[in-house]
């Protein structure tokens, strides 16, 4: 049997940031992130395979959902805390 699981978290940027595919930098702040994973059940164990990472961007009373590369998001977070 296969299914999906979604986990939520948040990320905080102290400075404006830009991810691949963004036309302009986004302002600093707290952003919601959701990760969708496909559940693959085997005989010995259950594994999870990431199928999407979504970043929620609020601006002007609207929420935009953007699919992002988790490695790109992690790199942006690391740049944000670098001196």
N, C-alpha and C. Protein backbone atom coordinates (compact mmCIF):
# COMPACT_ATOMS: atom_id res chain seq x y z
N UNK A 1 0.83 -1.17 0.00
CA UNK A 1 0.00 0.00 0.00
C UNK A 1 0.88 1.24 0.00
N UNK A 2 0.56 2.22 -0.85
CA UNK A 2 1.31 3.47 -0.87
C UNK A 2 0.38 4.61 -0.51
N UNK A 3 0.95 5.69 -0.04
CA UNK A 3 0.19 6.87 0.33
C UNK A 3 1.12 8.06 0.37
N UNK A 4 0.62 9.13 0.94
CA UNK A 4 1.41 10.35 1.04
C UNK A 4 1.41 10.82 2.49
N UNK A 5 2.48 11.50 2.86
CA UNK A 5 2.49 12.20 4.14
C UNK A 5 3.04 13.60 3.88
N UNK A 6 2.51 14.55 4.62
CA UNK A 6 2.94 15.93 4.50
C UNK A 6 3.40 16.40 5.86
N UNK A 7 4.59 16.99 5.89
CA UNK A 7 5.11 17.55 7.13
C UNK A 7 5.29 19.05 6.93
N UNK A 8 5.01 19.79 7.97
CA UNK A 8 5.14 21.24 7.90
C UNK A 8 6.22 21.75 8.84
N UNK A 9 6.83 22.85 8.45
CA UNK A 9 7.83 23.50 9.28
C UNK A 9 7.88 24.96 8.87
N UNK A 10 8.79 25.69 9.44
CA UNK A 10 8.97 27.08 9.03
C UNK A 10 10.46 27.38 8.95
N UNK A 11 10.79 28.37 8.14
CA UNK A 11 12.16 28.85 8.03
C UNK A 11 12.14 30.35 8.26
N UNK A 12 13.23 30.87 8.80
CA UNK A 12 13.33 32.30 9.08
C UNK A 12 14.54 32.87 8.35
N UNK A 13 14.28 33.92 7.59
CA UNK A 13 15.35 34.64 6.91
C UNK A 13 15.51 35.99 7.59
N UNK A 14 16.75 36.35 7.93
CA UNK A 14 17.04 37.64 8.56
C UNK A 14 17.27 38.73 7.52
N UNK A 15 17.60 38.32 6.31
CA UNK A 15 17.90 39.26 5.22
C UNK A 15 17.07 38.88 4.00
N UNK A 16 16.92 39.80 3.04
CA UNK A 16 16.25 39.42 1.79
C UNK A 16 16.96 38.21 1.17
N UNK A 17 16.20 37.37 0.50
CA UNK A 17 16.78 36.15 -0.08
C UNK A 17 16.17 35.90 -1.46
N UNK A 18 16.89 35.13 -2.23
CA UNK A 18 16.42 34.76 -3.56
C UNK A 18 16.73 33.30 -3.80
N UNK A 19 15.77 32.57 -4.34
CA UNK A 19 15.96 31.18 -4.72
C UNK A 19 15.95 31.06 -6.23
N UNK A 20 16.47 29.96 -6.75
CA UNK A 20 16.47 29.74 -8.20
C UNK A 20 15.05 29.87 -8.74
N UNK A 21 14.90 30.62 -9.82
CA UNK A 21 13.60 30.79 -10.45
C UNK A 21 12.83 31.98 -9.94
N UNK A 22 13.28 32.63 -8.86
CA UNK A 22 12.61 33.81 -8.35
C UNK A 22 13.03 35.02 -9.19
N UNK A 23 12.08 35.85 -9.56
CA UNK A 23 12.39 37.04 -10.35
C UNK A 23 13.02 38.14 -9.51
N UNK A 24 12.65 38.21 -8.24
CA UNK A 24 13.15 39.24 -7.35
C UNK A 24 13.37 38.65 -5.97
N UNK A 25 14.19 39.31 -5.16
CA UNK A 25 14.39 38.83 -3.80
C UNK A 25 13.10 38.93 -2.98
N UNK A 26 12.96 38.05 -2.02
CA UNK A 26 11.84 38.09 -1.09
C UNK A 26 12.32 38.75 0.20
N UNK A 27 11.43 39.42 0.93
CA UNK A 27 11.85 40.12 2.15
C UNK A 27 12.16 39.15 3.29
N UNK A 28 12.91 39.62 4.28
CA UNK A 28 13.16 38.77 5.45
C UNK A 28 11.85 38.44 6.15
N UNK A 29 11.86 37.36 6.91
CA UNK A 29 10.66 36.97 7.65
C UNK A 29 10.60 35.48 7.87
N UNK A 30 9.47 35.05 8.40
CA UNK A 30 9.22 33.63 8.67
C UNK A 30 8.33 33.10 7.55
N UNK A 31 8.73 31.99 6.97
CA UNK A 31 8.02 31.39 5.85
C UNK A 31 7.63 29.96 6.18
N UNK A 32 6.42 29.58 5.85
CA UNK A 32 5.95 28.20 6.04
C UNK A 32 6.48 27.32 4.91
N UNK A 33 6.85 26.09 5.27
CA UNK A 33 7.35 25.11 4.31
C UNK A 33 6.59 23.81 4.52
N UNK A 34 6.20 23.17 3.43
CA UNK A 34 5.59 21.83 3.51
C UNK A 34 6.38 20.89 2.63
N UNK A 35 6.59 19.68 3.14
CA UNK A 35 7.28 18.65 2.38
C UNK A 35 6.32 17.48 2.20
N UNK A 36 6.10 17.11 0.95
CA UNK A 36 5.25 15.97 0.62
C UNK A 36 6.15 14.79 0.31
N UNK A 37 5.84 13.66 0.93
CA UNK A 37 6.61 12.44 0.73
C UNK A 37 5.69 11.28 0.40
N UNK A 38 6.14 10.46 -0.52
CA UNK A 38 5.39 9.25 -0.86
C UNK A 38 5.84 8.14 0.08
N UNK A 39 4.88 7.44 0.62
CA UNK A 39 5.16 6.33 1.54
C UNK A 39 5.27 5.06 0.71
N UNK A 40 6.38 4.35 0.89
CA UNK A 40 6.59 3.09 0.20
C UNK A 40 6.81 2.02 1.26
N UNK A 41 5.85 1.13 1.38
CA UNK A 41 5.93 0.08 2.39
C UNK A 41 6.55 -1.16 1.80
N UNK A 42 7.53 -1.68 2.50
CA UNK A 42 8.19 -2.91 2.06
C UNK A 42 7.97 -4.01 3.07
N UNK A 43 8.60 -5.15 2.81
CA UNK A 43 8.46 -6.28 3.72
C UNK A 43 9.13 -6.01 5.06
N UNK A 44 10.30 -5.37 5.03
CA UNK A 44 11.07 -5.16 6.25
C UNK A 44 10.89 -3.77 6.86
N UNK A 45 10.61 -2.77 6.03
CA UNK A 45 10.52 -1.41 6.56
C UNK A 45 9.72 -0.51 5.64
N UNK A 46 9.35 0.62 6.18
CA UNK A 46 8.64 1.64 5.41
C UNK A 46 9.62 2.76 5.10
N UNK A 47 9.64 3.23 3.86
CA UNK A 47 10.51 4.33 3.48
C UNK A 47 9.66 5.48 2.95
N UNK A 48 10.26 6.65 2.94
CA UNK A 48 9.59 7.86 2.46
C UNK A 48 10.47 8.51 1.40
N UNK A 49 9.85 8.86 0.28
CA UNK A 49 10.56 9.49 -0.82
C UNK A 49 9.96 10.88 -1.04
N UNK A 50 10.80 11.91 -0.93
CA UNK A 50 10.32 13.27 -1.09
C UNK A 50 9.86 13.49 -2.52
N UNK A 51 8.68 14.05 -2.68
CA UNK A 51 8.17 14.33 -4.02
C UNK A 51 7.98 15.82 -4.26
N UNK A 52 7.89 16.63 -3.20
CA UNK A 52 7.75 18.08 -3.39
C UNK A 52 8.06 18.81 -2.10
N UNK A 53 8.67 20.00 -2.26
CA UNK A 53 8.87 20.92 -1.15
C UNK A 53 8.25 22.23 -1.56
N UNK A 54 7.31 22.73 -0.75
CA UNK A 54 6.56 23.93 -1.07
C UNK A 54 6.89 25.04 -0.08
N UNK A 55 7.10 26.25 -0.60
CA UNK A 55 7.35 27.43 0.20
C UNK A 55 6.15 28.35 0.04
N UNK A 56 5.60 28.82 1.16
CA UNK A 56 4.43 29.71 1.13
C UNK A 56 4.90 31.14 1.36
N UNK A 57 4.59 32.02 0.40
CA UNK A 57 5.02 33.41 0.45
C UNK A 57 3.79 34.30 0.56
N UNK A 58 3.69 35.03 1.67
CA UNK A 58 2.57 35.95 1.89
C UNK A 58 3.01 37.36 1.51
N UNK A 59 2.18 38.02 0.72
CA UNK A 59 2.46 39.41 0.32
C UNK A 59 1.17 40.08 -0.09
N UNK A 60 0.92 41.24 0.46
CA UNK A 60 -0.24 42.00 0.06
C UNK A 60 -1.56 41.29 0.28
N UNK A 61 -1.66 40.50 1.32
CA UNK A 61 -2.91 39.80 1.62
C UNK A 61 -3.15 38.54 0.81
N UNK A 62 -2.18 38.14 -0.01
CA UNK A 62 -2.31 36.90 -0.78
C UNK A 62 -1.18 35.95 -0.39
N UNK A 63 -1.42 34.67 -0.62
CA UNK A 63 -0.40 33.66 -0.36
C UNK A 63 -0.07 32.97 -1.67
N UNK A 64 1.20 32.97 -1.98
CA UNK A 64 1.70 32.31 -3.19
C UNK A 64 2.41 31.03 -2.76
N UNK A 65 2.13 29.93 -3.43
CA UNK A 65 2.80 28.66 -3.15
C UNK A 65 3.79 28.38 -4.26
N UNK A 66 5.05 28.17 -3.86
CA UNK A 66 6.12 27.95 -4.84
C UNK A 66 6.81 26.63 -4.54
N UNK A 67 6.96 25.79 -5.56
CA UNK A 67 7.73 24.56 -5.41
C UNK A 67 9.21 24.93 -5.47
N UNK A 68 9.97 24.48 -4.47
CA UNK A 68 11.39 24.82 -4.40
C UNK A 68 12.24 23.57 -4.28
N UNK A 69 13.49 23.71 -4.65
CA UNK A 69 14.47 22.64 -4.47
C UNK A 69 14.95 22.71 -3.02
N UNK A 70 14.82 21.63 -2.25
CA UNK A 70 15.22 21.67 -0.84
C UNK A 70 16.69 22.04 -0.66
N UNK A 71 17.56 21.61 -1.57
CA UNK A 71 18.98 21.95 -1.47
C UNK A 71 19.18 23.45 -1.68
N UNK A 72 18.43 24.05 -2.60
CA UNK A 72 18.52 25.48 -2.85
C UNK A 72 18.02 26.26 -1.64
N UNK A 73 16.94 25.79 -1.03
CA UNK A 73 16.41 26.43 0.18
C UNK A 73 17.43 26.36 1.31
N UNK A 74 18.04 25.21 1.50
CA UNK A 74 19.06 25.05 2.55
C UNK A 74 20.26 25.96 2.29
N UNK A 75 20.68 26.07 1.03
CA UNK A 75 21.81 26.94 0.70
C UNK A 75 21.48 28.40 0.99
N UNK A 76 20.25 28.81 0.69
CA UNK A 76 19.83 30.19 0.98
C UNK A 76 19.82 30.45 2.48
N UNK A 77 19.39 29.47 3.26
CA UNK A 77 19.40 29.62 4.71
C UNK A 77 20.84 29.73 5.24
N UNK A 78 21.74 28.96 4.69
CA UNK A 78 23.14 29.02 5.10
C UNK A 78 23.78 30.35 4.73
N UNK A 79 23.44 30.89 3.55
CA UNK A 79 23.94 32.21 3.16
C UNK A 79 23.42 33.28 4.10
N UNK A 80 22.17 33.10 4.55
CA UNK A 80 21.54 34.10 5.41
C UNK A 80 22.23 34.23 6.77
N UNK A 81 22.79 33.16 7.29
CA UNK A 81 23.44 33.21 8.59
C UNK A 81 24.94 33.41 8.49
N UNK A 82 25.50 33.36 7.29
CA UNK A 82 26.94 33.56 7.11
C UNK A 82 27.30 35.01 7.41
N UNK A 83 28.47 35.23 8.01
CA UNK A 83 28.89 36.62 8.30
C UNK A 83 29.18 37.42 7.05
